[in-house]
Amino acid sequence: MQSIISLFWNLCLLRTGPEHMPTVGFFVGLVLALNILVSTLVALSAPAEPTLLQAVSIPVVAAAVLAGCTLLILRMKNLGHRFTATITALLGADIIITALSWPLLLIADPTPTGPVSGFDWLLIIAQLALVFWWVTIAGFIFSRALAVPMPQGVAVAVFIILASLMVTASVVPLSAVQA
């Protein structure tokens, strides 16, 4: 288990690429299940207070969009055979980033009543750093999977992440946080 965590951690540090991911069906399914579990737990902690169905639906829809877009882009370059390793890398790295964001979400004040404190700014900057890190990781994965330069990989990652956010928000609408 430690070697798997180390593999994904090294992926997040851009030390290893998606080509080193195990592609056995059971492992891919396990990574997908863990991704949905961790993302659901984090979603349940969100200030929007989603229902259990919404909290489960968010990562399922996001993973489906991620997988669909990834497969489409890989097939456009005749690299469909890299899909399993690529999606495993993306989902595994997402588990790490999501798990790192969870404590920040838990200690953040969802309804600040006064001016934003220095601590709140620190939490905002930390969350933004995680977002930029995730985009960098996903861009790295796509650049390796598509055999393109890193800037193109980042562009693909941004496109897919935005598509995933838009589709997820459309399919699983959440109510706004009440002040």
N, C-alpha and C. Protein backbone atom coordinates (compact mmCIF):
# COMPACT_ATOMS: atom_id res chain seq x y z
N MET A 1 0.83 -1.20 0.00
CA MET A 1 0.00 0.00 0.00
C MET A 1 0.87 1.26 0.00
N GLN A 2 1.96 1.22 0.78
CA GLN A 2 2.85 2.36 0.84
C GLN A 2 3.48 2.66 -0.52
N SER A 3 3.76 1.61 -1.30
CA SER A 3 4.36 1.84 -2.62
C SER A 3 3.36 2.50 -3.57
N ILE A 4 2.08 2.19 -3.40
CA ILE A 4 1.05 2.84 -4.24
C ILE A 4 0.92 4.31 -3.87
N ILE A 5 0.89 4.61 -2.57
CA ILE A 5 0.82 6.00 -2.13
C ILE A 5 2.05 6.75 -2.62
N SER A 6 3.21 6.11 -2.50
CA SER A 6 4.46 6.72 -2.96
C SER A 6 4.41 6.97 -4.47
N LEU A 7 3.84 6.06 -5.22
CA LEU A 7 3.72 6.22 -6.67
C LEU A 7 2.89 7.46 -7.01
N PHE A 8 1.73 7.60 -6.34
CA PHE A 8 0.87 8.76 -6.61
C PHE A 8 1.50 10.05 -6.08
N TRP A 9 2.20 9.98 -4.94
CA TRP A 9 2.87 11.16 -4.41
C TRP A 9 3.96 11.62 -5.37
N ASN A 10 4.73 10.69 -5.90
CA ASN A 10 5.75 11.05 -6.88
C ASN A 10 5.15 11.61 -8.16
N LEU A 11 3.99 11.12 -8.52
CA LEU A 11 3.26 11.68 -9.66
C LEU A 11 2.89 13.14 -9.36
N CYS A 12 2.41 13.39 -8.15
CA CYS A 12 2.04 14.76 -7.76
C CYS A 12 3.25 15.68 -7.71
N LEU A 13 4.41 15.13 -7.47
CA LEU A 13 5.64 15.92 -7.46
C LEU A 13 6.29 15.97 -8.85
N LEU A 14 5.60 15.42 -9.83
CA LEU A 14 6.04 15.40 -11.24
C LEU A 14 7.34 14.60 -11.43
N ARG A 15 7.56 13.64 -10.57
CA ARG A 15 8.76 12.81 -10.66
C ARG A 15 8.53 11.56 -11.50
N THR A 16 7.30 11.14 -11.63
CA THR A 16 6.98 9.96 -12.43
C THR A 16 5.73 10.27 -13.25
N GLY A 17 5.61 9.64 -14.40
CA GLY A 17 4.50 9.93 -15.29
C GLY A 17 3.43 8.86 -15.26
N PRO A 18 2.36 9.08 -15.99
CA PRO A 18 1.25 8.13 -16.01
C PRO A 18 1.63 6.78 -16.61
N GLU A 19 2.71 6.76 -17.37
CA GLU A 19 3.13 5.50 -17.99
C GLU A 19 3.59 4.48 -16.95
N HIS A 20 3.82 4.91 -15.73
CA HIS A 20 4.25 4.00 -14.67
C HIS A 20 3.10 3.50 -13.79
N MET A 21 1.88 3.87 -14.15
CA MET A 21 0.71 3.46 -13.37
C MET A 21 0.32 2.02 -13.68
N PRO A 22 -0.06 1.26 -12.65
CA PRO A 22 -0.62 -0.08 -12.92
C PRO A 22 -1.91 0.06 -13.72
N THR A 23 -2.12 -0.83 -14.66
CA THR A 23 -3.32 -0.76 -15.51
C THR A 23 -4.23 -1.96 -15.35
N VAL A 24 -4.02 -2.72 -14.28
CA VAL A 24 -4.87 -3.89 -14.02
C VAL A 24 -6.27 -3.38 -13.66
N GLY A 25 -7.28 -4.01 -14.22
CA GLY A 25 -8.65 -3.57 -14.02
C GLY A 25 -9.05 -3.41 -12.57
N PHE A 26 -8.65 -4.35 -11.72
CA PHE A 26 -9.00 -4.27 -10.30
C PHE A 26 -8.41 -3.03 -9.67
N PHE A 27 -7.16 -2.72 -10.01
CA PHE A 27 -6.49 -1.55 -9.43
C PHE A 27 -7.17 -0.26 -9.89
N VAL A 28 -7.50 -0.18 -11.16
CA VAL A 28 -8.17 1.02 -11.68
C VAL A 28 -9.51 1.20 -10.99
N GLY A 29 -10.26 0.11 -10.82
CA GLY A 29 -11.54 0.16 -10.11
C GLY A 29 -11.37 0.59 -8.66
N LEU A 30 -10.32 0.10 -8.02
CA LEU A 30 -10.05 0.48 -6.63
C LEU A 30 -9.72 1.97 -6.53
N VAL A 31 -8.92 2.48 -7.44
CA VAL A 31 -8.58 3.90 -7.45
C VAL A 31 -9.84 4.74 -7.69
N LEU A 32 -10.68 4.31 -8.61
CA LEU A 32 -11.94 5.02 -8.87
C LEU A 32 -12.82 5.02 -7.62
N ALA A 33 -12.96 3.88 -6.97
CA ALA A 33 -13.78 3.79 -5.76
C ALA A 33 -13.23 4.67 -4.65
N LEU A 34 -11.91 4.67 -4.47
CA LEU A 34 -11.30 5.53 -3.44
C LEU A 34 -11.47 7.00 -3.78
N ASN A 35 -11.37 7.33 -5.06
CA ASN A 35 -11.58 8.71 -5.48
C ASN A 35 -13.00 9.16 -5.14
N ILE A 36 -13.97 8.32 -5.45
CA ILE A 36 -15.37 8.68 -5.16
C ILE A 36 -15.59 8.77 -3.65
N LEU A 37 -15.02 7.85 -2.88
CA LEU A 37 -15.18 7.87 -1.43
C LEU A 37 -14.58 9.13 -0.81
N VAL A 38 -13.33 9.43 -1.14
CA VAL A 38 -12.67 10.61 -0.57
C VAL A 38 -13.39 11.88 -1.01
N SER A 39 -13.74 11.97 -2.27
CA SER A 39 -14.44 13.16 -2.78
C SER A 39 -15.81 13.32 -2.15
N THR A 40 -16.50 12.22 -1.90
CA THR A 40 -17.81 12.28 -1.25
C THR A 40 -17.67 12.79 0.19
N LEU A 41 -16.69 12.26 0.91
CA LEU A 41 -16.47 12.71 2.29
C LEU A 41 -16.14 14.20 2.34
N VAL A 42 -15.32 14.65 1.42
CA VAL A 42 -14.98 16.07 1.38
C VAL A 42 -16.21 16.89 0.99
N ALA A 43 -16.99 16.43 0.04
CA ALA A 43 -18.20 17.15 -0.38
C ALA A 43 -19.18 17.28 0.78
N LEU A 44 -19.29 16.25 1.60
CA LEU A 44 -20.19 16.31 2.75
C LEU A 44 -19.76 17.35 3.77
N SER A 45 -18.49 17.76 3.72
CA SER A 45 -17.97 18.77 4.63
C SER A 45 -18.12 20.18 4.06
N ALA A 46 -18.58 20.29 2.84
CA ALA A 46 -18.65 21.59 2.16
C ALA A 46 -19.70 22.49 2.79
N PRO A 47 -19.47 23.81 2.73
CA PRO A 47 -20.43 24.76 3.30
C PRO A 47 -21.82 24.70 2.66
N ALA A 48 -21.90 24.22 1.41
CA ALA A 48 -23.21 24.13 0.74
C ALA A 48 -24.09 23.04 1.34
N GLU A 49 -23.52 22.20 2.20
CA GLU A 49 -24.25 21.12 2.87
C GLU A 49 -25.07 20.27 1.90
N PRO A 50 -24.40 19.59 0.98
CA PRO A 50 -25.14 18.75 0.02
C PRO A 50 -25.75 17.54 0.72
N THR A 51 -26.79 17.01 0.09
CA THR A 51 -27.36 15.76 0.58
C THR A 51 -26.38 14.64 0.25
N LEU A 52 -26.60 13.46 0.81
CA LEU A 52 -25.72 12.33 0.52
C LEU A 52 -25.75 12.00 -0.98
N LEU A 53 -26.94 12.04 -1.58
CA LEU A 53 -27.05 11.76 -3.01
C LEU A 53 -26.24 12.77 -3.83
N GLN A 54 -26.32 14.05 -3.47
CA GLN A 54 -25.55 15.06 -4.18
C GLN A 54 -24.05 14.85 -3.96
N ALA A 55 -23.67 14.55 -2.71
CA ALA A 55 -22.25 14.37 -2.39
C ALA A 55 -21.64 13.19 -3.13
N VAL A 56 -22.43 12.14 -3.37
CA VAL A 56 -21.94 10.99 -4.14
C VAL A 56 -21.98 11.31 -5.64
N SER A 57 -23.01 12.00 -6.06
CA SER A 57 -23.18 12.31 -7.49
C SER A 57 -22.10 13.23 -8.02
N ILE A 58 -21.63 14.16 -7.20
CA ILE A 58 -20.61 15.12 -7.66
C ILE A 58 -19.36 14.41 -8.17
N PRO A 59 -18.72 13.54 -7.36
CA PRO A 59 -17.51 12.88 -7.88
C PRO A 59 -17.79 11.87 -8.98
N VAL A 60 -18.98 11.25 -8.98
CA VAL A 60 -19.30 10.29 -10.04
C VAL A 60 -19.41 11.02 -11.38
N VAL A 61 -20.13 12.13 -11.39
CA VAL A 61 -20.27 12.91 -12.63
C VAL A 61 -18.92 13.48 -13.05
N ALA A 62 -18.17 14.02 -12.09
CA ALA A 62 -16.85 14.59 -12.41
C ALA A 62 -15.92 13.54 -12.99
N ALA A 63 -15.91 12.35 -12.40
CA ALA A 63 -15.05 11.27 -12.91
C ALA A 63 -15.49 10.82 -14.30
N ALA A 64 -16.80 10.79 -14.53
CA ALA A 64 -17.32 10.39 -15.84
C ALA A 64 -16.92 11.40 -16.92
N VAL A 65 -17.03 12.68 -16.61
CA VAL A 65 -16.63 13.71 -17.57
C VAL A 65 -15.13 13.66 -17.80
N LEU A 66 -14.36 13.51 -16.73
CA LEU A 66 -12.91 13.39 -16.84
C LEU A 66 -12.53 12.21 -17.73
N ALA A 67 -13.15 11.07 -17.48
CA ALA A 67 -12.85 9.87 -18.26
C ALA A 67 -13.26 10.05 -19.72
N GLY A 68 -14.45 10.57 -19.94
CA GLY A 68 -14.94 10.75 -21.31
C GLY A 68 -14.07 11.71 -22.11
N CYS A 69 -13.73 12.85 -21.52
CA CYS A 69 -12.89 13.83 -22.22
C CYS A 69 -11.48 13.28 -22.45
N THR A 70 -10.96 12.57 -21.44
CA THR A 70 -9.62 12.00 -21.57
C THR A 70 -9.58 10.98 -22.71
N LEU A 71 -10.57 10.10 -22.75
CA LEU A 71 -10.62 9.09 -23.81
C LEU A 71 -10.76 9.76 -25.17
N LEU A 72 -11.62 10.76 -25.26
CA LEU A 72 -11.82 11.46 -26.53
C LEU A 72 -10.52 12.10 -27.03
N ILE A 73 -9.83 12.79 -26.16
CA ILE A 73 -8.60 13.47 -26.57
C ILE A 73 -7.51 12.47 -26.92
N LEU A 74 -7.40 11.40 -26.13
CA LEU A 74 -6.40 10.38 -26.46
C LEU A 74 -6.70 9.71 -27.80
N ARG A 75 -7.96 9.43 -28.05
CA ARG A 75 -8.33 8.80 -29.33
C ARG A 75 -8.12 9.74 -30.50
N MET A 76 -8.29 11.04 -30.28
CA MET A 76 -8.06 12.00 -31.36
C MET A 76 -6.61 11.95 -31.83
N LYS A 77 -5.72 11.58 -30.95
CA LYS A 77 -4.30 11.47 -31.30
C LYS A 77 -3.88 10.01 -31.51
N ASN A 78 -4.85 9.12 -31.65
CA ASN A 78 -4.60 7.69 -31.82
C ASN A 78 -3.76 7.12 -30.68
N LEU A 79 -4.06 7.56 -29.46
CA LEU A 79 -3.36 7.10 -28.27
C LEU A 79 -4.33 6.49 -27.25
N GLY A 80 -5.41 5.93 -27.75
CA GLY A 80 -6.41 5.35 -26.88
C GLY A 80 -5.87 4.27 -25.96
N HIS A 81 -4.81 3.61 -26.36
CA HIS A 81 -4.22 2.55 -25.54
C HIS A 81 -3.62 3.10 -24.24
N ARG A 82 -3.45 4.42 -24.14
CA ARG A 82 -2.90 5.04 -22.92
C ARG A 82 -3.99 5.46 -21.93
N PHE A 83 -5.24 5.18 -22.27
CA PHE A 83 -6.35 5.66 -21.43
C PHE A 83 -6.30 5.13 -20.01
N THR A 84 -6.13 3.84 -19.83
CA THR A 84 -6.19 3.24 -18.49
C THR A 84 -5.13 3.82 -17.57
N ALA A 85 -3.90 3.93 -18.05
CA ALA A 85 -2.84 4.50 -17.23
C ALA A 85 -3.09 5.98 -16.95
N THR A 86 -3.60 6.69 -17.95
CA THR A 86 -3.85 8.12 -17.79
C THR A 86 -4.96 8.39 -16.79
N ILE A 87 -6.07 7.68 -16.90
CA ILE A 87 -7.19 7.93 -15.99
C ILE A 87 -6.82 7.48 -14.58
N THR A 88 -6.04 6.42 -14.45
CA THR A 88 -5.59 5.98 -13.13
C THR A 88 -4.72 7.06 -12.50
N ALA A 89 -3.82 7.63 -13.27
CA ALA A 89 -2.95 8.70 -12.77
C ALA A 89 -3.77 9.92 -12.35
N LEU A 90 -4.73 10.32 -13.19
CA LEU A 90 -5.55 11.48 -12.87
C LEU A 90 -6.38 11.26 -11.61
N LEU A 91 -7.02 10.11 -11.51
CA LEU A 91 -7.85 9.83 -10.33
C LEU A 91 -7.01 9.69 -9.07
N GLY A 92 -5.86 9.05 -9.18
CA GLY A 92 -4.99 8.89 -8.02
C GLY A 92 -4.44 10.21 -7.52
N ALA A 93 -4.00 11.06 -8.44
CA ALA A 93 -3.50 12.38 -8.05
C ALA A 93 -4.63 13.22 -7.45
N ASP A 94 -5.83 13.08 -7.99
CA ASP A 94 -6.98 13.80 -7.45
C ASP A 94 -7.27 13.38 -6.01
N ILE A 95 -7.09 12.10 -5.70
CA ILE A 95 -7.28 11.64 -4.32
C ILE A 95 -6.33 12.40 -3.40
N ILE A 96 -5.08 12.51 -3.79
CA ILE A 96 -4.07 13.19 -2.96
C ILE A 96 -4.44 14.65 -2.76
N ILE A 97 -4.75 15.36 -3.84
CA ILE A 97 -5.06 16.79 -3.75
C ILE A 97 -6.35 17.01 -2.96
N THR A 98 -7.35 16.18 -3.18
CA THR A 98 -8.61 16.30 -2.45
C THR A 98 -8.39 16.06 -0.96
N ALA A 99 -7.61 15.04 -0.64
CA ALA A 99 -7.33 14.75 0.77
C ALA A 99 -6.56 15.91 1.43
N LEU A 100 -5.66 16.54 0.69
CA LEU A 100 -4.92 17.68 1.23
C LEU A 100 -5.82 18.90 1.43
N SER A 101 -6.85 19.03 0.62
CA SER A 101 -7.75 20.18 0.74
C SER A 101 -8.78 20.02 1.86
N TRP A 102 -9.01 18.78 2.29
CA TRP A 102 -10.05 18.53 3.28
C TRP A 102 -9.83 19.30 4.59
N PRO A 103 -8.65 19.26 5.20
CA PRO A 103 -8.48 20.02 6.45
C PRO A 103 -8.72 21.51 6.27
N LEU A 104 -8.33 22.04 5.12
CA LEU A 104 -8.54 23.46 4.86
C LEU A 104 -10.03 23.78 4.82
N LEU A 105 -10.80 22.89 4.23
CA LEU A 105 -12.25 23.06 4.15
C LEU A 105 -12.89 22.97 5.54
N LEU A 106 -12.40 22.07 6.35
CA LEU A 106 -12.97 21.87 7.68
C LEU A 106 -12.73 23.06 8.61
N ILE A 107 -11.58 23.72 8.48
CA ILE A 107 -11.30 24.82 9.40
C ILE A 107 -11.70 26.20 8.86
N ALA A 108 -12.11 26.26 7.60
CA ALA A 108 -12.52 27.53 7.01
C ALA A 108 -13.88 27.95 7.57
N ASP A 109 -14.07 29.24 7.71
CA ASP A 109 -15.35 29.79 8.16
C ASP A 109 -16.24 30.00 6.94
N PRO A 110 -17.32 29.18 6.81
CA PRO A 110 -18.15 29.27 5.60
C PRO A 110 -18.96 30.56 5.51
N THR A 111 -19.20 31.21 6.64
CA THR A 111 -20.01 32.44 6.63
C THR A 111 -19.32 33.51 7.47
N PRO A 112 -18.27 34.11 6.96
CA PRO A 112 -17.59 35.14 7.73
C PRO A 112 -18.52 36.33 7.94
N THR A 113 -18.54 36.83 9.17
CA THR A 113 -19.44 37.94 9.50
C THR A 113 -18.75 39.29 9.45
N GLY A 114 -17.46 39.31 9.64
CA GLY A 114 -16.71 40.56 9.63
C GLY A 114 -15.71 40.58 8.50
N PRO A 115 -14.73 41.44 8.64
CA PRO A 115 -13.69 41.47 7.61
C PRO A 115 -12.91 40.16 7.58
N VAL A 116 -12.38 39.85 6.43
CA VAL A 116 -11.62 38.62 6.27
C VAL A 116 -10.32 38.75 7.05
N SER A 117 -10.07 37.77 7.92
CA SER A 117 -8.87 37.82 8.76
C SER A 117 -7.65 37.33 8.00
N GLY A 118 -6.48 37.53 8.60
CA GLY A 118 -5.24 37.04 8.01
C GLY A 118 -5.26 35.54 7.88
N PHE A 119 -5.84 34.85 8.86
CA PHE A 119 -5.93 33.39 8.80
C PHE A 119 -6.82 32.95 7.65
N ASP A 120 -7.94 33.66 7.45
CA ASP A 120 -8.82 33.32 6.33
C ASP A 120 -8.10 33.49 5.00
N TRP A 121 -7.28 34.56 4.89
CA TRP A 121 -6.52 34.77 3.67
C TRP A 121 -5.51 33.65 3.45
N LEU A 122 -4.92 33.20 4.54
CA LEU A 122 -3.97 32.09 4.46
C LEU A 122 -4.66 30.83 3.93
N LEU A 123 -5.88 30.56 4.41
CA LEU A 123 -6.65 29.40 3.92
C LEU A 123 -7.01 29.55 2.44
N ILE A 124 -7.38 30.75 2.05
CA ILE A 124 -7.73 31.00 0.64
C ILE A 124 -6.50 30.77 -0.24
N ILE A 125 -5.36 31.30 0.17
CA ILE A 125 -4.13 31.13 -0.60
C ILE A 125 -3.74 29.65 -0.66
N ALA A 126 -3.91 28.93 0.44
CA ALA A 126 -3.58 27.50 0.45
C ALA A 126 -4.49 26.73 -0.51
N GLN A 127 -5.79 27.05 -0.52
CA GLN A 127 -6.71 26.39 -1.45
C GLN A 127 -6.34 26.72 -2.90
N LEU A 128 -6.02 27.98 -3.16
CA LEU A 128 -5.62 28.35 -4.53
C LEU A 128 -4.33 27.64 -4.93
N ALA A 129 -3.41 27.50 -3.99
CA ALA A 129 -2.17 26.78 -4.29
C ALA A 129 -2.47 25.33 -4.67
N LEU A 130 -3.42 24.72 -3.96
CA LEU A 130 -3.80 23.34 -4.29
C LEU A 130 -4.46 23.27 -5.67
N VAL A 131 -5.26 24.26 -6.02
CA VAL A 131 -5.89 24.29 -7.35
C VAL A 131 -4.81 24.40 -8.43
N PHE A 132 -3.86 25.31 -8.24
CA PHE A 132 -2.78 25.46 -9.22
C PHE A 132 -1.93 24.19 -9.29
N TRP A 133 -1.69 23.57 -8.15
CA TRP A 133 -0.92 22.33 -8.13
C TRP A 133 -1.67 21.25 -8.90
N TRP A 134 -3.00 21.14 -8.69
CA TRP A 134 -3.80 20.14 -9.40
C TRP A 134 -3.74 20.37 -10.91
N VAL A 135 -3.87 21.62 -11.33
CA VAL A 135 -3.80 21.93 -12.76
C VAL A 135 -2.42 21.56 -13.32
N THR A 136 -1.39 21.83 -12.55
CA THR A 136 -0.03 21.48 -12.98
C THR A 136 0.13 19.97 -13.10
N ILE A 137 -0.35 19.23 -12.11
CA ILE A 137 -0.27 17.76 -12.14
C ILE A 137 -1.03 17.21 -13.34
N ALA A 138 -2.28 17.66 -13.49
CA ALA A 138 -3.09 17.17 -14.61
C ALA A 138 -2.45 17.54 -15.94
N GLY A 139 -1.89 18.76 -16.03
CA GLY A 139 -1.19 19.17 -17.25
C GLY A 139 0.02 18.29 -17.53
N PHE A 140 0.75 17.94 -16.48
CA PHE A 140 1.89 17.04 -16.61
C PHE A 140 1.45 15.67 -17.12
N ILE A 141 0.37 15.15 -16.53
CA ILE A 141 -0.15 13.84 -16.94
C ILE A 141 -0.57 13.87 -18.40
N PHE A 142 -1.32 14.91 -18.78
CA PHE A 142 -1.76 15.00 -20.18
C PHE A 142 -0.58 15.23 -21.13
N SER A 143 0.41 15.99 -20.71
CA SER A 143 1.55 16.21 -21.60
C SER A 143 2.29 14.90 -21.86
N ARG A 144 2.42 14.06 -20.83
CA ARG A 144 3.09 12.77 -21.00
C ARG A 144 2.21 11.81 -21.80
N ALA A 145 0.91 11.77 -21.49
CA ALA A 145 0.01 10.83 -22.17
C ALA A 145 -0.17 11.18 -23.65
N LEU A 146 -0.20 12.48 -23.94
CA LEU A 146 -0.43 12.92 -25.32
C LEU A 146 0.86 13.18 -26.08
N ALA A 147 2.00 13.08 -25.38
CA ALA A 147 3.31 13.35 -25.98
C ALA A 147 3.35 14.76 -26.58
N VAL A 148 2.95 15.74 -25.77
CA VAL A 148 2.96 17.14 -26.16
C VAL A 148 3.73 17.92 -25.11
N PRO A 149 4.14 19.15 -25.44
CA PRO A 149 4.84 19.97 -24.43
C PRO A 149 3.92 20.28 -23.23
N MET A 150 4.54 20.57 -22.11
CA MET A 150 3.81 20.84 -20.88
C MET A 150 2.74 21.94 -21.03
N PRO A 151 3.03 23.07 -21.69
CA PRO A 151 1.98 24.09 -21.82
C PRO A 151 0.72 23.56 -22.52
N GLN A 152 0.89 22.70 -23.52
CA GLN A 152 -0.28 22.11 -24.18
C GLN A 152 -1.00 21.15 -23.24
N GLY A 153 -0.24 20.41 -22.46
CA GLY A 153 -0.85 19.52 -21.47
C GLY A 153 -1.66 20.30 -20.45
N VAL A 154 -1.13 21.43 -20.01
CA VAL A 154 -1.85 22.29 -19.06
C VAL A 154 -3.11 22.85 -19.71
N ALA A 155 -3.03 23.24 -20.96
CA ALA A 155 -4.22 23.75 -21.67
C ALA A 155 -5.30 22.68 -21.74
N VAL A 156 -4.91 21.45 -22.05
CA VAL A 156 -5.87 20.34 -22.09
C VAL A 156 -6.47 20.13 -20.70
N ALA A 157 -5.62 20.17 -19.68
CA ALA A 157 -6.10 19.98 -18.31
C ALA A 157 -7.10 21.06 -17.92
N VAL A 158 -6.80 22.30 -18.22
CA VAL A 158 -7.71 23.40 -17.89
C VAL A 158 -9.04 23.21 -18.60
N PHE A 159 -9.00 22.86 -19.87
CA PHE A 159 -10.22 22.63 -20.64
C PHE A 159 -11.06 21.52 -19.99
N ILE A 160 -10.44 20.41 -19.66
CA ILE A 160 -11.17 19.28 -19.11
C ILE A 160 -11.66 19.57 -17.70
N ILE A 161 -10.87 20.24 -16.90
CA ILE A 161 -11.31 20.59 -15.54
C ILE A 161 -12.50 21.53 -15.60
N LEU A 162 -12.44 22.53 -16.47
CA LEU A 162 -13.58 23.46 -16.61
C LEU A 162 -14.82 22.73 -17.14
N ALA A 163 -14.63 21.85 -18.11
CA ALA A 163 -15.77 21.08 -18.63
C ALA A 163 -16.38 20.24 -17.51
N SER A 164 -15.54 19.61 -16.72
CA SER A 164 -16.02 18.79 -15.61
C SER A 164 -16.80 19.63 -14.60
N LEU A 165 -16.27 20.80 -14.26
CA LEU A 165 -16.96 21.68 -13.31
C LEU A 165 -18.31 22.14 -13.85
N MET A 166 -18.34 22.51 -15.12
CA MET A 166 -19.60 23.00 -15.71
C MET A 166 -20.64 21.90 -15.79
N VAL A 167 -20.24 20.73 -16.24
CA VAL A 167 -21.20 19.62 -16.34
C VAL A 167 -21.68 19.20 -14.96
N THR A 168 -20.76 19.10 -14.02
CA THR A 168 -21.13 18.69 -12.67
C THR A 168 -22.08 19.69 -12.04
N ALA A 169 -21.80 20.99 -12.19
CA ALA A 169 -22.68 22.01 -11.63
C ALA A 169 -24.06 21.99 -12.30
N SER A 170 -24.11 21.62 -13.58
CA SER A 170 -25.39 21.56 -14.28
C SER A 170 -26.20 20.34 -13.88
N VAL A 171 -25.53 19.22 -13.69
CA VAL A 171 -26.21 17.96 -13.41
C VAL A 171 -26.55 17.82 -11.92
N VAL A 172 -25.67 18.33 -11.07
CA VAL A 172 -25.86 18.22 -9.62
C VAL A 172 -25.87 19.63 -9.02
N PRO A 173 -26.96 20.36 -9.18
CA PRO A 173 -26.99 21.73 -8.64
C PRO A 173 -27.02 21.72 -7.11
N LEU A 174 -26.29 22.64 -6.53
CA LEU A 174 -26.28 22.80 -5.08
C LEU A 174 -26.91 24.16 -4.74
N SER A 175 -27.58 24.20 -3.61
CA SER A 175 -28.16 25.47 -3.17
C SER A 175 -27.03 26.34 -2.66
N ALA A 176 -27.23 27.65 -2.74
CA ALA A 176 -26.23 28.59 -2.24
C ALA A 176 -26.20 28.54 -0.72
N VAL A 177 -25.04 28.85 -0.16
CA VAL A 177 -24.91 28.88 1.30
C VAL A 177 -25.71 30.05 1.83
N GLN A 178 -26.54 29.80 2.82
CA GLN A 178 -27.37 30.84 3.44
C GLN A 178 -26.58 31.56 4.52
N ALA A 179 -26.56 32.88 4.47
CA ALA A 179 -25.82 33.65 5.49
C ALA A 179 -26.63 33.80 6.75
